[in-house]
């Protein structure tokens, strides 16, 4: 196996927008995510729409829906 071709591997700190922080292995020392297992609707059981960049409003305008 060739030396020095693989990226460095860190114990990474993952920070979610909900405030949850956990550790895992990754090629970057720190990562920020929008949705994690603690706040994702599939795991929490709540119906919540995660809107990215106004897609819901754009869809509603396109089809003249009252949103």
C-alpha atoms as a PDB file:
ATOM      1  CA  UNK A   1       0.000   0.000   0.000  1.00  0.00           C
ATOM      2  CA  UNK A   2       1.310   3.450  -0.879  1.00  0.00           C
ATOM      3  CA  UNK A   3       2.193   5.782   1.974  1.00  0.00           C
ATOM      4  CA  UNK A   4       0.709   9.288   2.365  1.00  0.00           C
ATOM      5  CA  UNK A   5      -2.194   8.865  -0.101  1.00  0.00           C
ATOM      6  CA  UNK A   6      -5.016   8.557   2.410  1.00  0.00           C
ATOM      7  CA  UNK A   7      -6.634  11.583   4.104  1.00  0.00           C
ATOM      8  CA  UNK A   8      -6.047  12.170   7.802  1.00  0.00           C
ATOM      9  CA  UNK A   9      -8.672  10.661  10.086  1.00  0.00           C
ATOM     10  CA  UNK A  10      -9.890  12.704  13.068  1.00  0.00           C
ATOM     11  CA  UNK A  11     -12.150  12.179  16.046  1.00  0.00           C
ATOM     12  CA  UNK A  12     -14.706  14.656  14.792  1.00  0.00           C
ATOM     13  CA  UNK A  13     -17.229  16.751  16.728  1.00  0.00           C
ATOM     14  CA  UNK A  14     -20.596  16.887  14.971  1.00  0.00           C
ATOM     15  CA  UNK A  15     -22.872  19.833  15.878  1.00  0.00           C
ATOM     16  CA  UNK A  16     -26.537  19.881  14.818  1.00  0.00           C
ATOM     17  CA  UNK A  17     -28.667  22.999  14.403  1.00  0.00           C
ATOM     18  CA  UNK A  18     -30.898  21.701  17.238  1.00  0.00           C
ATOM     19  CA  UNK A  19     -27.941  21.870  19.636  1.00  0.00           C
ATOM     20  CA  UNK A  20     -27.105  18.158  19.785  1.00  0.00           C
ATOM     21  CA  UNK A  21     -23.346  17.488  19.840  1.00  0.00           C
ATOM     22  CA  UNK A  22     -21.719  14.086  19.392  1.00  0.00           C
ATOM     23  CA  UNK A  23     -18.378  12.555  18.422  1.00  0.00           C
ATOM     24  CA  UNK A  24     -17.516  10.256  15.519  1.00  0.00           C
ATOM     25  CA  UNK A  25     -14.674   9.567  13.119  1.00  0.00           C
ATOM     26  CA  UNK A  26     -14.325  11.686   9.973  1.00  0.00           C
ATOM     27  CA  UNK A  27     -11.796  13.318   7.676  1.00  0.00           C
ATOM     28  CA  UNK A  28     -12.600  16.767   9.131  1.00  0.00           C
ATOM     29  CA  UNK A  29     -12.161  17.731  12.805  1.00  0.00           C
ATOM     30  CA  UNK A  30     -15.566  19.496  13.083  1.00  0.00           C
ATOM     31  CA  UNK A  31     -18.809  19.254  11.109  1.00  0.00           C
ATOM     32  CA  UNK A  32     -22.134  21.133  11.286  1.00  0.00           C
ATOM     33  CA  UNK A  33     -25.387  19.466  10.188  1.00  0.00           C
ATOM     34  CA  UNK A  34     -28.989  20.689   9.920  1.00  0.00           C
ATOM     35  CA  UNK A  35     -30.780  17.501  10.982  1.00  0.00           C
ATOM     36  CA  UNK A  36     -29.593  14.696  13.274  1.00  0.00           C
ATOM     37  CA  UNK A  37     -31.103  11.559  14.788  1.00  0.00           C
ATOM     38  CA  UNK A  38     -32.401  13.552  17.752  1.00  0.00           C
ATOM     39  CA  UNK A  39     -34.425  16.064  15.727  1.00  0.00           C
ATOM     40  CA  UNK A  40     -35.185  14.190  12.477  1.00  0.00           C
ATOM     41  CA  UNK A  41     -38.962  13.729  11.987  1.00  0.00           C
ATOM     42  CA  UNK A  42     -38.587  10.009  11.235  1.00  0.00           C
ATOM     43  CA  UNK A  43     -37.019   9.346  14.647  1.00  0.00           C
ATOM     44  CA  UNK A  44     -39.069  11.835  16.689  1.00  0.00           C
ATOM     45  CA  UNK A  45     -42.445  10.879  15.201  1.00  0.00           C
ATOM     46  CA  UNK A  46     -43.530  14.487  14.723  1.00  0.00           C
ATOM     47  CA  UNK A  47     -44.660  15.849  11.388  1.00  0.00           C
ATOM     48  CA  UNK A  48     -42.318  18.707  10.648  1.00  0.00           C
ATOM     49  CA  UNK A  49     -41.421  20.042   7.223  1.00  0.00           C
ATOM     50  CA  UNK A  50     -37.746  20.856   6.762  1.00  0.00           C
ATOM     51  CA  UNK A  51     -37.774  23.707   4.243  1.00  0.00           C
ATOM     52  CA  UNK A  52     -34.558  24.455   2.419  1.00  0.00           C
ATOM     53  CA  UNK A  53     -34.288  27.698   0.473  1.00  0.00           C
ATOM     54  CA  UNK A  54     -38.030  28.418   0.294  1.00  0.00           C
ATOM     55  CA  UNK A  55     -38.985  25.409  -1.813  1.00  0.00           C
ATOM     56  CA  UNK A  56     -42.393  25.078  -0.175  1.00  0.00           C
ATOM     57  CA  UNK A  57     -43.297  28.710  -0.880  1.00  0.00           C
ATOM     58  CA  UNK A  58     -42.090  28.381  -4.462  1.00  0.00           C
ATOM     59  CA  UNK A  59     -44.200  25.211  -4.932  1.00  0.00           C
ATOM     60  CA  UNK A  60     -47.259  26.934  -3.453  1.00  0.00           C
ATOM     61  CA  UNK A  61     -46.827  29.948  -5.743  1.00  0.00           C
ATOM     62  CA  UNK A  62     -46.358  27.755  -8.797  1.00  0.00           C
ATOM     63  CA  UNK A  63     -49.610  25.860  -8.261  1.00  0.00           C
ATOM     64  CA  UNK A  64     -51.575  28.745  -6.672  1.00  0.00           C
ATOM     65  CA  UNK A  65     -52.067  26.894  -3.393  1.00  0.00           C
ATOM     66  CA  UNK A  66     -53.008  28.623  -0.169  1.00  0.00           C
ATOM     67  CA  UNK A  67     -50.100  27.750   2.119  1.00  0.00           C
END
